[in-house]
Amino acid sequence: MENSHLLILMKEAQLSPEQLAERLGISNMTIRRWMKKSSGEIIPGVYEKAMEDAVYQMMIDGILGPESKSVKLVMKKSQNLSFAAAIKNLGFTGNLRKAPSFSPDRLMVGLSQIGAKESRKTEVDRSHKKIWSFAKLGEEWGSHISTMMRVVRSKNLTMVDKLVAYGALFYLICPFDLIPDDIPVFGLMDDYCVLGLAVAYYVRKYGRSLDLRKVE
């Protein structure tokens, strides 16, 4: 990381040198010394892990969001995101964030929590082209996506009934997956599983054929 990244992080998180130093576990004099150097100078590698951990923690704390330049930098470097930070940004709350595995029922609750946020629903509604691009991955992908899209477009379902579908589709397009999408083969497994479990949820609720009179 470069000194410029340090300045970006301080600006995005609205932290003073003293506050950042506390989060990194170093002296504020060290921070101020870095600030005096040229923006392109490399921060000593021994501090990089502390910087990455601080960024993750600020995501968990809600200080930094998905669009943060600091977050994107850390993700690009590590090709991974701590489980707690990913769950936090996807919208899971409470006990759902305490374990890295969920039962289908608990996952549906989590997807409902994600789908309940207006910003998430808006993102899904304006990302139909991106969502449908995943259909090229296979017939099952296309079938799952078609089902979820029918649900969110339905005029007969209440918004509460649509929350799981919105949550599943947002998870599909969200960059903060539990498994990064750029990992060959395995990177899309969680997206596929989430879609499949969401479809199963609606099949249980409306029947295997997903009666179009109820859904569409």
C-alpha atoms as a PDB file:
ATOM      1  CA  MET A   1       0.000   0.000   0.000  1.00  0.00           C
ATOM      2  CA  GLU A   2       1.077   3.562  -0.670  1.00  0.00           C
ATOM      3  CA  ASN A   3       0.836   6.668   1.498  1.00  0.00           C
ATOM      4  CA  SER A   4      -1.944   7.881  -0.795  1.00  0.00           C
ATOM      5  CA  HIS A   5      -4.043   4.898   0.289  1.00  0.00           C
ATOM      6  CA  LEU A   6      -3.551   5.927   3.903  1.00  0.00           C
ATOM      7  CA  LEU A   7      -4.861   9.414   3.156  1.00  0.00           C
ATOM      8  CA  ILE A   8      -7.851   7.987   1.258  1.00  0.00           C
ATOM      9  CA  LEU A   9      -8.698   5.724   4.183  1.00  0.00           C
ATOM     10  CA  MET A  10      -8.518   8.588   6.673  1.00  0.00           C
ATOM     11  CA  LYS A  11     -10.761  10.740   4.485  1.00  0.00           C
ATOM     12  CA  GLU A  12     -13.340   8.009   3.811  1.00  0.00           C
ATOM     13  CA  ALA A  13     -13.527   6.935   7.455  1.00  0.00           C
ATOM     14  CA  GLN A  14     -13.263  10.527   8.721  1.00  0.00           C
ATOM     15  CA  LEU A  15     -10.516   9.548  11.129  1.00  0.00           C
ATOM     16  CA  SER A  16      -7.866  11.739  12.680  1.00  0.00           C
ATOM     17  CA  PRO A  17      -4.259  10.467  12.677  1.00  0.00           C
ATOM     18  CA  GLU A  18      -4.724   9.596  16.364  1.00  0.00           C
ATOM     19  CA  GLN A  19      -7.909   7.617  15.705  1.00  0.00           C
ATOM     20  CA  LEU A  20      -6.365   5.707  12.805  1.00  0.00           C
ATOM     21  CA  ALA A  21      -3.256   4.985  14.845  1.00  0.00           C
ATOM     22  CA  GLU A  22      -5.436   3.479  17.568  1.00  0.00           C
ATOM     23  CA  ARG A  23      -7.186   1.213  15.050  1.00  0.00           C
ATOM     24  CA  LEU A  24      -3.847   0.099  13.601  1.00  0.00           C
ATOM     25  CA  GLY A  25      -2.245  -0.402  16.984  1.00  0.00           C
ATOM     26  CA  ILE A  26       0.658   1.945  16.265  1.00  0.00           C
ATOM     27  CA  SER A  27       1.699   5.396  17.448  1.00  0.00           C
ATOM     28  CA  ASN A  28       0.077   8.491  15.975  1.00  0.00           C
ATOM     29  CA  MET A  29       3.589   9.847  15.359  1.00  0.00           C
ATOM     30  CA  THR A  30       4.129   6.998  12.895  1.00  0.00           C
ATOM     31  CA  ILE A  31       0.970   7.994  11.037  1.00  0.00           C
ATOM     32  CA  ARG A  32       2.006  11.634  10.942  1.00  0.00           C
ATOM     33  CA  ARG A  33       5.443  10.640   9.679  1.00  0.00           C
ATOM     34  CA  TRP A  34       3.868   8.697   6.822  1.00  0.00           C
ATOM     35  CA  MET A  35       1.623  11.658   5.995  1.00  0.00           C
ATOM     36  CA  LYS A  36       4.682  13.856   5.431  1.00  0.00           C
ATOM     37  CA  LYS A  37       6.148  11.511   2.829  1.00  0.00           C
ATOM     38  CA  SER A  38       5.308  11.487  -0.885  1.00  0.00           C
ATOM     39  CA  SER A  39       1.962   9.953  -1.826  1.00  0.00           C
ATOM     40  CA  GLY A  40       3.585   7.229  -3.900  1.00  0.00           C
ATOM     41  CA  GLU A  41       5.911   5.979  -1.158  1.00  0.00           C
ATOM     42  CA  ILE A  42       5.199   2.439  -0.035  1.00  0.00           C
ATOM     43  CA  ILE A  43       4.010   1.836   3.522  1.00  0.00           C
ATOM     44  CA  PRO A  44       6.254  -0.770   5.213  1.00  0.00           C
ATOM     45  CA  GLY A  45       4.883  -4.252   4.546  1.00  0.00           C
ATOM     46  CA  VAL A  46       4.833  -5.105   8.245  1.00  0.00           C
ATOM     47  CA  TYR A  47       1.901  -2.691   8.620  1.00  0.00           C
ATOM     48  CA  GLU A  48      -0.151  -3.919   5.648  1.00  0.00           C
ATOM     49  CA  LYS A  49      -1.939  -6.661   7.593  1.00  0.00           C
ATOM     50  CA  ALA A  50      -2.937  -4.136  10.256  1.00  0.00           C
ATOM     51  CA  MET A  51      -4.295  -1.840   7.531  1.00  0.00           C
ATOM     52  CA  GLU A  52      -6.319  -4.647   5.965  1.00  0.00           C
ATOM     53  CA  ASP A  53      -7.709  -5.744   9.324  1.00  0.00           C
ATOM     54  CA  ALA A  54      -8.649  -2.146  10.123  1.00  0.00           C
ATOM     55  CA  VAL A  55     -10.526  -1.812   6.832  1.00  0.00           C
ATOM     56  CA  TYR A  56     -12.410  -5.064   7.473  1.00  0.00           C
ATOM     57  CA  GLN A  57     -13.335  -3.948  10.973  1.00  0.00           C
ATOM     58  CA  MET A  58     -14.552  -0.581   9.710  1.00  0.00           C
ATOM     59  CA  MET A  59     -16.792  -2.427   7.259  1.00  0.00           C
ATOM     60  CA  ILE A  60     -18.214  -4.517  10.087  1.00  0.00           C
ATOM     61  CA  ASP A  61     -18.723  -1.343  12.126  1.00  0.00           C
ATOM     62  CA  GLY A  62     -20.550   0.278   9.212  1.00  0.00           C
ATOM     63  CA  ILE A  63     -17.948   3.034   8.810  1.00  0.00           C
ATOM     64  CA  LEU A  64     -16.942   1.952   5.303  1.00  0.00           C
ATOM     65  CA  GLY A  65     -19.353   0.731   2.641  1.00  0.00           C
ATOM     66  CA  PRO A  66     -19.058  -1.417  -0.512  1.00  0.00           C
ATOM     67  CA  GLU A  67     -18.146   1.566  -2.710  1.00  0.00           C
ATOM     68  CA  SER A  68     -15.185   2.592  -0.551  1.00  0.00           C
ATOM     69  CA  LYS A  69     -11.907   2.870  -2.463  1.00  0.00           C
ATOM     70  CA  SER A  70     -10.105   1.459   0.571  1.00  0.00           C
ATOM     71  CA  VAL A  71     -12.381  -1.592   0.619  1.00  0.00           C
ATOM     72  CA  LYS A  72     -11.906  -2.222  -3.095  1.00  0.00           C
ATOM     73  CA  LEU A  73      -8.141  -1.953  -2.710  1.00  0.00           C
ATOM     74  CA  VAL A  74      -8.040  -4.484   0.113  1.00  0.00           C
ATOM     75  CA  MET A  75     -10.319  -6.875  -1.782  1.00  0.00           C
ATOM     76  CA  LYS A  76      -8.156  -6.595  -4.883  1.00  0.00           C
ATOM     77  CA  LYS A  77      -5.046  -7.381  -2.860  1.00  0.00           C
ATOM     78  CA  SER A  78      -6.402 -10.258  -0.828  1.00  0.00           C
ATOM     79  CA  GLN A  79      -9.028 -11.659  -3.221  1.00  0.00           C
ATOM     80  CA  ASN A  80     -11.072 -12.422  -0.114  1.00  0.00           C
ATOM     81  CA  LEU A  81     -13.284 -10.725   2.430  1.00  0.00           C
ATOM     82  CA  SER A  82     -13.687 -11.691   6.040  1.00  0.00           C
ATOM     83  CA  PHE A  83     -16.938 -13.559   6.627  1.00  0.00           C
ATOM     84  CA  ALA A  84     -18.256 -11.105   9.188  1.00  0.00           C
ATOM     85  CA  ALA A  85     -17.641  -8.111   6.922  1.00  0.00           C
ATOM     86  CA  ALA A  86     -19.359  -9.771   3.962  1.00  0.00           C
ATOM     87  CA  ILE A  87     -22.370 -10.723   6.055  1.00  0.00           C
ATOM     88  CA  LYS A  88     -22.587  -7.230   7.520  1.00  0.00           C
ATOM     89  CA  ASN A  89     -22.618  -5.574   4.115  1.00  0.00           C
ATOM     90  CA  LEU A  90     -25.132  -8.052   2.725  1.00  0.00           C
ATOM     91  CA  GLY A  91     -27.537  -7.092   5.474  1.00  0.00           C
ATOM     92  CA  PHE A  92     -27.547 -10.019   7.914  1.00  0.00           C
ATOM     93  CA  THR A  93     -28.099  -8.985  11.515  1.00  0.00           C
ATOM     94  CA  GLY A  94     -28.065 -10.481  14.989  1.00  0.00           C
ATOM     95  CA  ASN A  95     -27.243 -14.149  15.512  1.00  0.00           C
ATOM     96  CA  LEU A  96     -27.135 -14.828  11.775  1.00  0.00           C
ATOM     97  CA  ARG A  97     -23.631 -13.330  11.729  1.00  0.00           C
ATOM     98  CA  LYS A  98     -22.187 -15.670  14.340  1.00  0.00           C
ATOM     99  CA  ALA A  99     -21.630 -18.769  12.214  1.00  0.00           C
ATOM    100  CA  PRO A 100     -20.338 -19.343   8.688  1.00  0.00           C
ATOM    101  CA  SER A 101     -23.064 -21.878   7.828  1.00  0.00           C
ATOM    102  CA  PHE A 102     -26.813 -21.521   7.789  1.00  0.00           C
ATOM    103  CA  SER A 103     -29.785 -23.860   7.716  1.00  0.00           C
ATOM    104  CA  PRO A 104     -32.089 -23.168   4.743  1.00  0.00           C
ATOM    105  CA  ASP A 105     -34.684 -21.572   7.027  1.00  0.00           C
ATOM    106  CA  ARG A 106     -32.128 -19.260   8.638  1.00  0.00           C
ATOM    107  CA  LEU A 107     -30.771 -18.370   5.225  1.00  0.00           C
ATOM    108  CA  MET A 108     -34.283 -17.386   4.073  1.00  0.00           C
ATOM    109  CA  VAL A 109     -34.534 -15.081   7.079  1.00  0.00           C
ATOM    110  CA  GLY A 110     -31.182 -13.587   6.123  1.00  0.00           C
ATOM    111  CA  LEU A 111     -32.221 -13.125   2.485  1.00  0.00           C
ATOM    112  CA  SER A 112     -35.408 -11.436   3.669  1.00  0.00           C
ATOM    113  CA  GLN A 113     -33.313  -9.050   5.731  1.00  0.00           C
ATOM    114  CA  ILE A 114     -31.216  -8.230   2.682  1.00  0.00           C
ATOM    115  CA  GLY A 115     -34.269  -7.808   0.460  1.00  0.00           C
ATOM    116  CA  ALA A 116     -36.016  -5.581   2.976  1.00  0.00           C
ATOM    117  CA  LYS A 117     -33.582  -2.718   2.372  1.00  0.00           C
ATOM    118  CA  GLU A 118     -34.894  -0.242  -0.183  1.00  0.00           C
ATOM    119  CA  SER A 119     -31.414   0.358  -1.599  1.00  0.00           C
ATOM    120  CA  ARG A 120     -31.027  -3.383  -2.267  1.00  0.00           C
ATOM    121  CA  LYS A 121     -34.406  -3.620  -4.014  1.00  0.00           C
ATOM    122  CA  THR A 122     -33.574  -0.575  -6.115  1.00  0.00           C
ATOM    123  CA  GLU A 123     -30.235  -2.105  -7.118  1.00  0.00           C
ATOM    124  CA  VAL A 124     -31.963  -5.320  -8.215  1.00  0.00           C
ATOM    125  CA  ASP A 125     -34.654  -3.434 -10.155  1.00  0.00           C
ATOM    126  CA  ARG A 126     -32.074  -1.499 -12.151  1.00  0.00           C
ATOM    127  CA  SER A 127     -29.724  -4.453 -12.716  1.00  0.00           C
ATOM    128  CA  HIS A 128     -31.944  -6.810 -14.713  1.00  0.00           C
ATOM    129  CA  LYS A 129     -29.464  -6.966 -17.593  1.00  0.00           C
ATOM    130  CA  LYS A 130     -26.646  -7.935 -15.249  1.00  0.00           C
ATOM    131  CA  ILE A 131     -28.843 -10.499 -13.511  1.00  0.00           C
ATOM    132  CA  TRP A 132     -29.864 -12.141 -16.788  1.00  0.00           C
ATOM    133  CA  SER A 133     -26.213 -12.319 -17.859  1.00  0.00           C
ATOM    134  CA  PHE A 134     -25.767 -15.159 -15.358  1.00  0.00           C
ATOM    135  CA  ALA A 135     -28.326 -17.240 -17.273  1.00  0.00           C
ATOM    136  CA  LYS A 136     -25.643 -18.066 -19.851  1.00  0.00           C
ATOM    137  CA  LEU A 137     -23.924 -20.216 -17.235  1.00  0.00           C
ATOM    138  CA  GLY A 138     -26.424 -23.013 -17.802  1.00  0.00           C
ATOM    139  CA  GLU A 139     -30.035 -24.099 -18.066  1.00  0.00           C
ATOM    140  CA  GLU A 140     -30.480 -24.403 -14.306  1.00  0.00           C
ATOM    141  CA  TRP A 141     -29.097 -20.923 -13.799  1.00  0.00           C
ATOM    142  CA  GLY A 142     -31.579 -19.572 -16.329  1.00  0.00           C
ATOM    143  CA  SER A 143     -34.451 -21.429 -14.678  1.00  0.00           C
ATOM    144  CA  HIS A 144     -33.580 -20.165 -11.198  1.00  0.00           C
ATOM    145  CA  ILE A 145     -33.159 -16.596 -12.375  1.00  0.00           C
ATOM    146  CA  SER A 146     -36.416 -16.734 -14.321  1.00  0.00           C
ATOM    147  CA  THR A 147     -38.254 -17.868 -11.195  1.00  0.00           C
ATOM    148  CA  MET A 148     -36.773 -15.116  -9.058  1.00  0.00           C
ATOM    149  CA  MET A 149     -37.549 -12.482 -11.686  1.00  0.00           C
ATOM    150  CA  ARG A 150     -41.155 -13.670 -11.943  1.00  0.00           C
ATOM    151  CA  VAL A 151     -41.475 -13.271  -8.206  1.00  0.00           C
ATOM    152  CA  VAL A 152     -40.082  -9.724  -8.002  1.00  0.00           C
ATOM    153  CA  ARG A 153     -42.191  -8.618 -10.998  1.00  0.00           C
ATOM    154  CA  SER A 154     -45.390 -10.196  -9.691  1.00  0.00           C
ATOM    155  CA  LYS A 155     -48.390  -7.912  -9.271  1.00  0.00           C
ATOM    156  CA  ASN A 156     -50.158 -10.433  -7.052  1.00  0.00           C
ATOM    157  CA  LEU A 157     -47.523 -10.951  -4.373  1.00  0.00           C
ATOM    158  CA  THR A 158     -47.027  -8.566  -1.498  1.00  0.00           C
ATOM    159  CA  MET A 159     -43.636  -6.949  -1.018  1.00  0.00           C
ATOM    160  CA  VAL A 160     -43.109  -9.130   2.051  1.00  0.00           C
ATOM    161  CA  ASP A 161     -43.550 -12.211  -0.158  1.00  0.00           C
ATOM    162  CA  LYS A 162     -40.895 -10.884  -2.546  1.00  0.00           C
ATOM    163  CA  LEU A 163     -38.168 -10.183  -0.003  1.00  0.00           C
ATOM    164  CA  VAL A 164     -36.412 -13.554  -0.298  1.00  0.00           C
ATOM    165  CA  ALA A 165     -36.257 -13.209  -4.090  1.00  0.00           C
ATOM    166  CA  TYR A 166     -34.910  -9.681  -3.842  1.00  0.00           C
ATOM    167  CA  GLY A 167     -32.327 -10.854  -1.332  1.00  0.00           C
ATOM    168  CA  ALA A 168     -31.218 -13.768  -3.518  1.00  0.00           C
ATOM    169  CA  LEU A 169     -30.911 -11.587  -6.625  1.00  0.00           C
ATOM    170  CA  PHE A 170     -29.000  -8.928  -4.743  1.00  0.00           C
ATOM    171  CA  TYR A 171     -26.612 -11.586  -3.462  1.00  0.00           C
ATOM    172  CA  LEU A 172     -26.078 -12.676  -7.069  1.00  0.00           C
ATOM    173  CA  ILE A 173     -24.964  -9.231  -8.239  1.00  0.00           C
ATOM    174  CA  CYS A 174     -23.264  -8.124  -5.030  1.00  0.00           C
ATOM    175  CA  PRO A 175     -19.434  -8.163  -5.084  1.00  0.00           C
ATOM    176  CA  PHE A 176     -19.272  -9.224  -1.407  1.00  0.00           C
ATOM    177  CA  ASP A 177     -19.893 -12.953  -1.786  1.00  0.00           C
ATOM    178  CA  LEU A 178     -18.829 -15.540   0.760  1.00  0.00           C
ATOM    179  CA  ILE A 179     -16.708 -16.992  -2.048  1.00  0.00           C
ATOM    180  CA  PRO A 180     -15.172 -14.408  -4.440  1.00  0.00           C
ATOM    181  CA  ASP A 181     -16.619 -14.857  -7.950  1.00  0.00           C
ATOM    182  CA  ASP A 182     -13.224 -14.671  -9.648  1.00  0.00           C
ATOM    183  CA  ILE A 183     -12.167 -18.013  -8.142  1.00  0.00           C
ATOM    184  CA  PRO A 184     -12.654 -20.471 -11.046  1.00  0.00           C
ATOM    185  CA  VAL A 185     -15.624 -22.839 -10.652  1.00  0.00           C
ATOM    186  CA  PHE A 186     -15.949 -22.477  -6.883  1.00  0.00           C
ATOM    187  CA  GLY A 187     -16.463 -18.717  -7.027  1.00  0.00           C
ATOM    188  CA  LEU A 188     -20.055 -19.042  -8.238  1.00  0.00           C
ATOM    189  CA  MET A 189     -21.056 -22.032  -6.117  1.00  0.00           C
ATOM    190  CA  ASP A 190     -22.496 -19.936  -3.301  1.00  0.00           C
ATOM    191  CA  ASP A 191     -24.480 -17.779  -5.751  1.00  0.00           C
ATOM    192  CA  TYR A 192     -25.937 -20.906  -7.340  1.00  0.00           C
ATOM    193  CA  CYS A 193     -26.767 -22.457  -3.966  1.00  0.00           C
ATOM    194  CA  VAL A 194     -28.445 -19.284  -2.710  1.00  0.00           C
ATOM    195  CA  LEU A 195     -30.581 -19.101  -5.866  1.00  0.00           C
ATOM    196  CA  GLY A 196     -31.459 -22.789  -5.602  1.00  0.00           C
ATOM    197  CA  LEU A 197     -32.501 -22.523  -1.961  1.00  0.00           C
ATOM    198  CA  ALA A 198     -34.581 -19.433  -2.720  1.00  0.00           C
ATOM    199  CA  VAL A 199     -36.351 -21.285  -5.541  1.00  0.00           C
ATOM    200  CA  ALA A 200     -36.996 -24.225  -3.204  1.00  0.00           C
ATOM    201  CA  TYR A 201     -38.511 -21.795  -0.701  1.00  0.00           C
ATOM    202  CA  TYR A 202     -41.002 -20.493  -3.268  1.00  0.00           C
ATOM    203  CA  VAL A 203     -41.745 -24.008  -4.533  1.00  0.00           C
ATOM    204  CA  ARG A 204     -42.683 -25.015  -0.977  1.00  0.00           C
ATOM    205  CA  LYS A 205     -44.831 -21.927  -0.642  1.00  0.00           C
ATOM    206  CA  TYR A 206     -46.616 -21.976  -3.989  1.00  0.00           C
ATOM    207  CA  GLY A 207     -46.201 -25.520  -5.272  1.00  0.00           C
ATOM    208  CA  ARG A 208     -43.706 -27.071  -7.653  1.00  0.00           C
ATOM    209  CA  SER A 209     -45.201 -25.378 -10.703  1.00  0.00           C
ATOM    210  CA  LEU A 210     -45.164 -21.957  -9.012  1.00  0.00           C
ATOM    211  CA  ASP A 211     -48.767 -21.289 -10.036  1.00  0.00           C
ATOM    212  CA  LEU A 212     -48.562 -18.288 -12.377  1.00  0.00           C
ATOM    213  CA  ARG A 213     -51.951 -17.059 -11.216  1.00  0.00           C
ATOM    214  CA  LYS A 214     -50.394 -16.507  -7.796  1.00  0.00           C
ATOM    215  CA  VAL A 215     -46.943 -15.382  -8.838  1.00  0.00           C
ATOM    216  CA  GLU A 216     -47.357 -13.354 -12.007  1.00  0.00           C
END
